[in-house]
Amino acid sequence: MKFRGLLIAAVLLIAALVTLYFTERRGGKTPVESKPEEKLFSVKSDDIQEITVTPQSGERVKLAREGGKWKIVEPRAMAADDSAVSSMASALGGLSVTDTIDEKPASLKDYGLEPPQATVQFKTKAGAAQALLLGQDTPTGSSVYAKTDSRPRVVTVASYLKSDFTKSLFDLRDKAALKFDTAAASRAWVENKSGKFELAKSEDRWQIEAPVQARADQVAASDLLRNAADARMQAIEAEEASPQEIAKFRLDKPEVVFQVQDPAGTHELRVSAEKDGKRHAKSSDQAGIFTVSSDLATQLGKALADIRNKDVFDMDTWLASRVEAVTPEARVALDKQGEQWKGSDPKKTINASDVADMLDKLKAIRASSYPTAAPPVTYGLDKPVLKVQAVWGDKKLKESVEVGQAGDKAYARRQGDPAIYEVPADSVKSAREAINKLK
């Protein structure tokens, strides 16, 4: 009895699969066998020069390849998302027939092809024009009914490809809020709730130009520009940035103004204060007004102190080749020869781990604030408790630092740098102890 039950279940399963098989083919017609991996179009994606997407409902979008880049030409001229359009062209060039359903269908309505849910027309370099008509999904949802304009037959193609061919104007447009070359950027200006500051690049390093001249934290400065370059439009709020629309979305008094200069000119992005959970933006590189991520205002809302370099020592401790250090208790002069450190006394063995510890303790001296009191305030720097000169790297970079003590606070200054750095007194104490150990 048990075997008989299993046999009945197997027969029912087979019957269900057969029913589903013929249901997908509308009316139980025997499918025409397709050749393995039959390509729907004999075209290479690189040969496609124009694509026009016409959805059943929505805006018709026409794209053209110019100078190797895709551009939107209809319904209005604008830059395209090259990645999204290239993906569409690649999908057209690689489109394979999953199955042939009917060579001569009596009605296309049964497949959602009259009218089609979307039509994709394209032209090649040779001027040949072809079109793909997309219908509804098959009952299993794994495929979608389709046909070309050159043959009456109905086929199926993989359903996941449908998303490539049914993109809207917004999906296909370039959504970069700002379009600038981060590698070639030479200057940047930021104005936000924390104030204003200006950055300038010199010899591939960012420096703070205003309101003070100071070293910039290279990671923080690079992140600032990268966040601006990565900003994307999330939705279009107004196609035209008229004075009325600018005021409506509070972009006449923005929370953040970011400007950056590259060889193409100066680019500006304005970001509004948050309203109803949205932040609106206006760009010199995009038409209209659009929304952006709420995180963008935080990323571009950095204060000057966030961008300043807090390291008192620039040196790369691993590449240090010479260090001279003076404290009230000791004076050491060390040179690296090969993998060994040598001091002024050739008979004395220098413990490499002690030198590494000293260098790490010096590198750990970092600014906690930047006091600005004018003379006669000396910050104890008229009688330094620590003087260090270091050389490092293939270019033999040099720096000289002095540290003073005033009461229970410590202050540092770098040669050639007008800034005063308040530093933790305990970090200075640790560095002095590490130096004294090497005397």
Protein backbone atom coordinates (compact mmCIF):
# COMPACT_ATOMS: atom_id res chain seq x y z
CA MET A 1 0.00 0.00 0.00
CA LYS A 2 2.84 2.32 0.83
CA PHE A 3 4.44 1.77 -2.59
CA ARG A 4 1.11 2.40 -4.32
CA GLY A 5 0.75 5.73 -2.48
CA LEU A 6 4.19 6.85 -3.58
CA LEU A 7 3.41 5.86 -7.17
CA ILE A 8 0.19 7.93 -7.18
CA ALA A 9 2.04 10.94 -5.73
CA ALA A 10 4.72 10.68 -8.42
CA VAL A 11 2.10 10.53 -11.19
CA LEU A 12 0.32 13.59 -9.79
CA LEU A 13 3.60 15.51 -9.61
CA ILE A 14 4.44 14.68 -13.21
CA ALA A 15 0.96 15.73 -14.30
CA ALA A 16 1.32 19.06 -12.48
CA LEU A 17 4.69 19.75 -14.12
CA VAL A 18 3.31 18.91 -17.57
CA THR A 19 0.34 21.22 -16.95
CA LEU A 20 2.65 24.05 -15.89
CA TYR A 21 4.92 23.39 -18.89
CA PHE A 22 2.07 23.86 -21.34
CA THR A 23 0.44 26.68 -19.35
CA GLU A 24 3.56 28.77 -19.95
CA ARG A 25 3.05 28.22 -23.67
CA ARG A 26 -0.50 29.54 -23.72
CA GLY A 27 -3.01 27.12 -25.10
CA GLY A 28 -0.89 23.98 -24.88
CA LYS A 29 0.97 24.45 -28.14
CA THR A 30 4.02 22.27 -28.52
CA PRO A 31 7.06 24.53 -28.23
CA VAL A 32 9.41 24.81 -31.14
CA GLU A 33 12.85 23.66 -30.08
CA SER A 34 15.38 26.47 -29.87
CA LYS A 35 19.03 26.05 -30.66
CA PRO A 36 21.26 25.97 -27.58
CA GLU A 37 22.27 29.48 -26.49
CA GLU A 38 20.50 31.08 -29.43
CA LYS A 39 21.17 34.81 -29.46
CA LEU A 40 18.13 36.96 -30.04
CA PHE A 41 20.20 39.58 -31.87
CA SER A 42 23.39 39.17 -33.89
CA VAL A 43 25.00 42.31 -32.53
CA LYS A 44 27.94 43.22 -30.34
CA SER A 45 27.26 45.63 -27.51
CA ASP A 46 30.15 47.88 -28.63
CA ASP A 47 28.45 48.32 -32.02
CA ILE A 48 25.27 49.75 -30.51
CA GLN A 49 25.19 53.52 -30.96
CA GLU A 50 21.60 54.46 -30.10
CA ILE A 51 19.03 53.03 -27.70
CA THR A 52 15.44 54.18 -27.25
CA VAL A 53 13.39 52.87 -24.35
CA THR A 54 9.61 53.25 -24.59
CA PRO A 55 7.66 51.93 -21.58
CA GLN A 56 3.94 51.18 -21.80
CA SER A 57 3.42 54.03 -19.40
CA GLY A 58 6.03 56.64 -18.64
CA GLU A 59 8.54 58.79 -20.45
CA ARG A 60 10.30 57.72 -23.64
CA VAL A 61 14.09 57.98 -23.32
CA LYS A 62 16.53 58.13 -26.21
CA LEU A 63 20.26 57.64 -25.68
CA ALA A 64 23.22 58.06 -28.00
CA ARG A 65 26.87 57.17 -27.68
CA GLU A 66 29.16 60.17 -28.25
CA GLY A 67 32.91 59.99 -27.93
CA GLY A 68 32.70 56.65 -26.20
CA LYS A 69 30.26 57.98 -23.58
CA TRP A 70 26.49 57.63 -23.41
CA LYS A 71 24.29 60.74 -23.34
CA ILE A 72 20.55 61.25 -23.02
CA VAL A 73 19.21 63.20 -26.02
CA GLU A 74 15.45 62.86 -25.36
CA PRO A 75 13.26 63.99 -23.68
CA ARG A 76 16.02 66.56 -22.98
CA ALA A 77 19.77 66.61 -23.28
CA MET A 78 21.67 65.51 -20.17
CA ALA A 79 24.52 63.27 -19.12
CA ALA A 80 23.70 59.59 -18.79
CA ASP A 81 24.72 57.05 -16.19
CA ASP A 82 27.31 55.39 -18.40
CA SER A 83 27.36 52.24 -16.30
CA ALA A 84 23.57 51.76 -16.45
CA VAL A 85 23.37 52.33 -20.22
CA SER A 86 26.42 50.18 -20.93
CA SER A 87 24.73 47.42 -18.91
CA MET A 88 21.68 47.76 -21.15
CA ALA A 89 23.80 47.58 -24.31
CA SER A 90 25.61 44.52 -22.97
CA ALA A 91 22.28 42.86 -22.17
CA LEU A 92 21.06 43.47 -25.72
CA GLY A 93 24.25 42.07 -27.22
CA GLY A 94 24.20 38.98 -25.01
CA LEU A 95 20.43 38.34 -24.98
CA SER A 96 19.76 34.61 -25.28
CA VAL A 97 16.49 32.84 -26.05
CA THR A 98 15.36 30.67 -23.15
CA ASP A 99 12.66 28.98 -25.22
CA THR A 100 10.61 29.51 -28.37
CA ILE A 101 6.93 29.52 -27.42
CA ASP A 102 5.13 30.02 -30.72
CA GLU A 103 6.47 30.66 -34.23
CA LYS A 104 3.21 32.20 -35.43
CA PRO A 105 1.06 33.25 -32.49
CA ALA A 106 -2.61 33.92 -33.19
CA SER A 107 -2.64 36.73 -30.62
CA LEU A 108 0.10 38.66 -28.91
CA LYS A 109 -2.26 39.84 -26.18
CA ASP A 110 -1.97 36.46 -24.47
CA TYR A 111 1.68 37.23 -23.80
CA GLY A 112 1.31 40.88 -22.80
CA LEU A 113 2.89 41.90 -26.12
CA GLU A 114 -0.03 43.82 -27.64
CA PRO A 115 0.70 46.43 -26.56
CA PRO A 116 4.13 45.50 -25.19
CA GLN A 117 4.99 46.43 -21.64
CA ALA A 118 8.22 47.97 -22.94
CA THR A 119 9.92 48.45 -26.29
CA VAL A 120 13.67 48.81 -26.69
CA GLN A 121 14.87 50.02 -30.08
CA PHE A 122 18.54 50.29 -31.01
CA LYS A 123 20.79 51.20 -33.90
CA THR A 124 24.27 49.94 -34.72
CA LYS A 125 27.29 51.67 -36.24
CA ALA A 126 26.20 50.33 -39.64
CA GLY A 127 22.82 51.99 -39.22
CA ALA A 128 20.84 48.78 -38.77
CA ALA A 129 17.79 49.26 -36.56
CA GLN A 130 16.18 46.54 -34.46
CA ALA A 131 13.66 46.39 -31.65
CA LEU A 132 12.88 44.19 -28.67
CA LEU A 133 9.32 43.93 -27.36
CA LEU A 134 8.84 42.77 -23.78
CA GLY A 135 5.62 41.27 -22.47
CA GLN A 136 4.47 39.86 -19.17
CA ASP A 137 6.26 37.34 -16.98
CA THR A 138 5.62 33.65 -17.48
CA PRO A 139 3.53 31.91 -14.78
CA THR A 140 6.65 30.64 -13.01
CA GLY A 141 8.19 34.12 -13.03
CA SER A 142 11.55 32.81 -14.19
CA SER A 143 11.16 34.18 -17.73
CA VAL A 144 9.44 36.97 -19.61
CA TYR A 145 7.70 36.78 -22.98
CA ALA A 146 9.46 38.68 -25.74
CA LYS A 147 9.73 39.11 -29.49
CA THR A 148 11.68 41.10 -32.02
CA ASP A 149 10.16 43.41 -34.60
CA SER A 150 11.67 41.34 -37.42
CA ARG A 151 9.96 38.00 -36.66
CA PRO A 152 6.45 37.02 -35.52
CA ARG A 153 7.56 34.33 -33.09
CA VAL A 154 7.21 34.66 -29.33
CA VAL A 155 10.11 33.57 -27.17
CA THR A 156 11.07 33.78 -23.54
CA VAL A 157 14.15 35.41 -22.09
CA ALA A 158 15.44 35.43 -18.51
CA SER A 159 13.17 37.63 -16.36
CA TYR A 160 16.07 39.23 -14.48
CA LEU A 161 17.03 40.98 -17.72
CA LYS A 162 13.73 42.88 -17.70
CA SER A 163 15.07 45.36 -15.16
CA ASP A 164 17.85 46.31 -17.60
CA PHE A 165 15.30 47.25 -20.26
CA THR A 166 12.65 49.04 -18.19
CA LYS A 167 14.69 51.82 -16.62
CA SER A 168 13.19 55.26 -16.20
CA LEU A 169 14.72 58.60 -17.18
CA PHE A 170 15.97 59.05 -13.62
CA ASP A 171 17.46 55.53 -13.63
CA LEU A 172 19.40 56.31 -16.80
CA ARG A 173 20.63 59.80 -16.03
CA ASP A 174 23.96 60.62 -14.41
CA LYS A 175 23.12 61.08 -10.75
CA ALA A 176 26.46 62.47 -9.57
CA ALA A 177 25.64 65.60 -7.58
CA LEU A 178 29.05 67.06 -8.49
CA LYS A 179 31.23 66.05 -11.41
CA PHE A 180 34.86 66.82 -10.74
CA ASP A 181 38.18 65.01 -10.93
CA THR A 182 39.24 64.21 -7.37
CA ALA A 183 42.81 63.40 -8.44
CA ALA A 184 43.17 66.71 -10.30
CA ALA A 185 41.36 68.87 -7.70
CA SER A 186 43.64 71.68 -6.53
CA ARG A 187 41.54 73.76 -4.16
CA ALA A 188 38.37 73.41 -2.07
CA TRP A 189 36.20 75.73 0.02
CA VAL A 190 33.77 74.68 2.75
CA GLU A 191 31.18 76.81 4.53
CA ASN A 192 28.91 75.21 7.11
CA LYS A 193 27.52 75.71 10.61
CA SER A 194 31.04 75.42 12.05
CA GLY A 195 32.46 78.21 9.91
CA LYS A 196 34.55 78.51 6.75
CA PHE A 197 37.87 77.10 5.63
CA GLU A 198 39.89 76.73 2.47
CA LEU A 199 42.13 73.90 1.33
CA ALA A 200 44.85 73.98 -1.33
CA LYS A 201 46.94 71.15 -2.71
CA SER A 202 50.69 71.51 -2.91
CA GLU A 203 52.96 68.71 -4.11
CA ASP A 204 50.11 66.19 -3.77
CA ARG A 205 49.42 67.18 -0.17
CA TRP A 206 46.47 69.18 1.11
CA GLN A 207 47.17 72.27 3.22
CA ILE A 208 44.80 74.59 5.05
CA GLU A 209 44.99 78.08 3.51
CA ALA A 210 42.34 79.95 5.51
CA PRO A 211 41.35 81.11 8.06
CA VAL A 212 44.81 79.94 9.19
CA GLN A 213 47.71 78.41 7.34
CA ALA A 214 48.21 74.94 8.75
CA ARG A 215 48.84 71.34 7.85
CA ALA A 216 45.79 69.33 6.87
CA ASP A 217 45.07 65.77 7.89
CA GLN A 218 45.52 64.03 4.53
CA VAL A 219 42.99 61.30 5.27
CA ALA A 220 40.36 63.77 6.52
CA ALA A 221 40.88 66.11 3.53
CA SER A 222 40.74 63.23 1.04
CA ASP A 223 37.60 61.85 2.69
CA LEU A 224 35.96 65.27 2.43
CA LEU A 225 36.54 65.42 -1.32
CA ARG A 226 35.63 61.77 -1.83
CA ASN A 227 32.31 62.24 0.00
CA ALA A 228 31.52 65.21 -2.24
CA ALA A 229 32.47 63.25 -5.37
CA ASP A 230 30.38 60.25 -4.25
CA ALA A 231 27.25 62.30 -3.49
CA ARG A 232 24.29 61.14 -5.58
CA MET A 233 20.89 62.58 -6.43
CA GLN A 234 18.14 60.52 -4.82
CA ALA A 235 15.12 62.15 -6.45
CA ILE A 236 14.33 65.22 -8.55
CA GLU A 237 12.24 67.81 -6.74
CA ALA A 238 12.25 70.55 -9.40
CA GLU A 239 13.51 70.42 -12.98
CA GLU A 240 14.44 74.09 -12.93
CA ALA A 241 16.26 75.89 -10.13
CA SER A 242 14.30 79.13 -10.37
CA PRO A 243 14.67 81.79 -7.63
CA GLN A 244 11.25 80.74 -6.32
CA GLU A 245 12.23 77.06 -6.13
CA ILE A 246 15.59 77.92 -4.57
CA ALA A 247 13.83 79.87 -1.83
CA LYS A 248 11.15 77.19 -1.42
CA PHE A 249 13.75 74.52 -0.69
CA ARG A 250 15.83 76.92 1.47
CA LEU A 251 18.83 76.79 -0.82
CA ASP A 252 19.16 80.58 -0.75
CA LYS A 253 20.41 80.04 2.82
CA PRO A 254 21.97 76.56 2.65
CA GLU A 255 23.39 74.70 5.61
CA VAL A 256 26.44 73.62 3.61
CA VAL A 257 28.23 75.14 0.63
CA PHE A 258 31.02 73.06 -0.88
CA GLN A 259 33.18 74.29 -3.75
CA VAL A 260 36.04 72.52 -5.48
CA GLN A 261 38.37 73.52 -8.28
CA ASP A 262 39.79 71.19 -10.93
CA PRO A 263 41.09 71.79 -14.48
CA ALA A 264 37.50 72.12 -15.74
CA GLY A 265 36.72 75.01 -13.39
CA THR A 266 34.96 75.54 -10.07
CA HIS A 267 32.10 73.26 -9.05
CA GLU A 268 29.59 74.15 -6.32
CA LEU A 269 27.13 72.10 -4.28
CA ARG A 270 24.61 73.62 -1.87
CA VAL A 271 22.83 71.45 0.70
CA SER A 272 19.81 72.65 2.67
CA ALA A 273 18.96 72.16 6.30
CA GLU A 274 16.81 69.09 6.93
CA LYS A 275 13.07 69.49 6.43
CA ASP A 276 10.49 66.71 6.68
CA GLY A 277 13.29 64.17 6.75
CA LYS A 278 14.79 65.42 3.47
CA ARG A 279 17.83 67.41 2.45
CA HIS A 280 17.65 69.29 -0.82
CA ALA A 281 20.58 70.29 -2.97
CA LYS A 282 21.52 72.41 -5.95
CA SER A 283 24.63 71.85 -8.04
CA SER A 284 26.51 73.80 -10.65
CA ASP A 285 26.90 70.48 -12.52
CA GLN A 286 23.24 69.40 -12.57
CA ALA A 287 20.03 71.14 -13.54
CA GLY A 288 17.18 71.55 -11.10
CA ILE A 289 16.85 70.76 -7.41
CA PHE A 290 17.16 67.28 -5.98
CA THR A 291 17.35 65.39 -2.71
CA VAL A 292 20.55 63.89 -1.33
CA SER A 293 21.43 61.52 1.48
CA SER A 294 20.93 62.97 4.95
CA ASP A 295 24.48 61.83 5.73
CA LEU A 296 25.94 64.23 3.16
CA ALA A 297 25.47 67.33 5.33
CA THR A 298 27.35 65.55 8.14
CA GLN A 299 30.13 64.45 5.80
CA LEU A 300 30.54 67.98 4.41
CA GLY A 301 29.79 69.66 7.74
CA LYS A 302 33.28 69.12 9.14
CA ALA A 303 34.81 71.86 11.26
CA LEU A 304 38.29 73.23 10.67
CA ALA A 305 39.55 71.29 13.70
CA ASP A 306 38.37 68.04 12.07
CA ILE A 307 40.54 68.73 9.02
CA ARG A 308 43.68 69.93 10.81
CA ASN A 309 46.58 67.54 11.17
CA LYS A 310 46.82 66.62 14.84
CA ASP A 311 50.15 64.80 14.48
CA VAL A 312 52.99 66.90 15.85
CA PHE A 313 55.44 64.61 14.04
CA ASP A 314 54.97 63.84 10.35
CA MET A 315 57.73 61.25 10.27
CA ASP A 316 57.11 57.67 9.28
CA THR A 317 58.65 55.82 12.20
CA TRP A 318 59.40 52.75 10.09
CA LEU A 319 61.44 54.84 7.66
CA ALA A 320 63.29 56.98 10.21
CA SER A 321 67.04 57.06 9.53
CA ARG A 322 68.29 59.68 12.01
CA VAL A 323 66.96 61.07 15.28
CA GLU A 324 68.45 63.70 17.59
CA ALA A 325 66.61 64.25 20.85
CA VAL A 326 67.36 66.49 23.81
CA THR A 327 65.70 66.56 27.23
CA PRO A 328 66.88 68.21 30.46
CA GLU A 329 68.23 64.77 31.45
CA ALA A 330 69.68 63.38 28.23
CA ARG A 331 70.91 63.99 24.71
CA VAL A 332 70.87 61.20 22.12
CA ALA A 333 71.91 61.14 18.47
CA LEU A 334 71.05 57.96 16.57
CA ASP A 335 71.68 56.88 12.98
CA LYS A 336 70.28 53.81 11.32
CA GLN A 337 72.82 51.69 9.44
CA GLY A 338 71.15 48.83 7.69
CA GLU A 339 68.85 47.32 10.30
CA GLN A 340 70.94 48.52 13.25
CA TRP A 341 70.86 51.81 15.15
CA LYS A 342 74.19 53.39 16.06
CA GLY A 343 74.88 56.12 18.59
CA SER A 344 77.77 58.51 19.14
CA ASP A 345 79.57 55.86 21.21
CA PRO A 346 80.54 53.06 18.78
CA LYS A 347 81.15 50.68 21.70
CA LYS A 348 77.62 51.00 23.04
CA THR A 349 74.97 48.60 21.79
CA ILE A 350 71.69 50.27 20.94
CA ASN A 351 68.59 48.21 21.59
CA ALA A 352 66.43 48.47 18.44
CA SER A 353 63.23 47.86 20.42
CA ASP A 354 64.07 50.82 22.69
CA VAL A 355 64.52 53.05 19.63
CA ALA A 356 61.24 51.79 18.18
CA ASP A 357 59.54 52.55 21.51
CA MET A 358 60.96 56.07 21.54
CA LEU A 359 59.80 56.74 17.97
CA ASP A 360 56.33 55.43 18.76
CA LYS A 361 56.12 57.63 21.87
CA LEU A 362 57.15 60.70 19.84
CA LYS A 363 54.60 59.88 17.14
CA ALA A 364 51.94 59.54 19.85
CA ILE A 365 52.28 63.23 20.74
CA ARG A 366 49.18 64.70 19.08
CA ALA A 367 47.33 67.99 19.34
CA SER A 368 44.32 68.31 21.60
CA SER A 369 43.76 71.98 20.70
CA TYR A 370 45.35 74.94 18.93
CA PRO A 371 45.76 77.93 21.30
CA THR A 372 46.12 81.34 19.72
CA ALA A 373 47.29 83.65 22.54
CA ALA A 374 49.82 86.21 21.32
CA PRO A 375 53.14 87.13 23.01
CA PRO A 376 54.19 87.65 25.75
CA VAL A 377 52.65 84.19 26.25
CA THR A 378 55.47 81.71 25.59
CA TYR A 379 53.74 78.38 26.39
CA GLY A 380 57.01 77.35 28.03
CA LEU A 381 58.65 77.15 24.61
CA ASP A 382 61.33 79.66 25.63
CA LYS A 383 62.75 76.82 27.76
CA PRO A 384 61.87 73.59 25.90
CA VAL A 385 61.74 70.34 27.84
CA LEU A 386 62.05 68.37 24.61
CA LYS A 387 63.78 69.05 21.30
CA VAL A 388 63.71 66.56 18.43
CA GLN A 389 65.12 66.55 14.91
CA ALA A 390 64.26 63.62 12.67
CA VAL A 391 65.13 62.45 9.15
CA TRP A 392 63.15 59.77 7.32
CA GLY A 393 62.28 58.25 3.96
CA ASP A 394 64.05 57.98 0.62
CA LYS A 395 63.79 61.74 0.14
CA LYS A 396 65.47 62.37 3.49
CA LEU A 397 62.60 64.46 4.77
CA LYS A 398 63.39 66.52 7.85
CA GLU A 399 61.44 68.02 10.70
CA SER A 400 62.28 69.78 13.95
CA VAL A 401 59.95 69.95 16.95
CA GLU A 402 60.16 71.69 20.32
CA VAL A 403 57.94 71.02 23.33
CA GLY A 404 57.47 73.34 26.30
CA GLN A 405 55.84 72.95 29.69
CA ALA A 406 53.62 75.62 31.28
CA GLY A 407 52.21 74.50 34.59
CA ASP A 408 50.49 71.18 34.09
CA LYS A 409 50.07 71.70 30.35
CA ALA A 410 52.40 71.00 27.45
CA TYR A 411 52.72 72.77 24.10
CA ALA A 412 54.58 71.99 20.89
CA ARG A 413 55.66 73.85 17.78
CA ARG A 414 57.22 72.73 14.53
CA GLN A 415 59.97 74.53 12.68
CA GLY A 416 58.45 76.57 9.85
CA ASP A 417 54.93 76.15 11.21
CA PRO A 418 53.32 79.17 12.95
CA ALA A 419 50.82 77.00 14.82
CA ILE A 420 51.04 76.16 18.51
CA TYR A 421 49.80 72.68 19.46
CA GLU A 422 48.51 71.94 22.93
CA VAL A 423 49.43 68.32 23.61
CA PRO A 424 48.74 65.90 26.48
CA ALA A 425 51.43 66.33 29.15
CA ASP A 426 51.49 62.60 29.85
CA SER A 427 52.40 61.81 26.23
CA VAL A 428 55.36 64.23 26.51
CA LYS A 429 56.40 62.58 29.77
CA SER A 430 56.30 59.11 28.13
CA ALA A 431 58.43 60.34 25.21
CA ARG A 432 61.00 61.91 27.54
CA GLU A 433 61.27 58.69 29.54
CA ALA A 434 61.82 56.68 26.35
CA ILE A 435 64.56 59.11 25.26
CA ASN A 436 66.25 59.08 28.67
CA LYS A 437 66.39 55.29 28.51
CA LEU A 438 68.68 55.58 25.47
CA LYS A 439 71.21 58.04 26.95
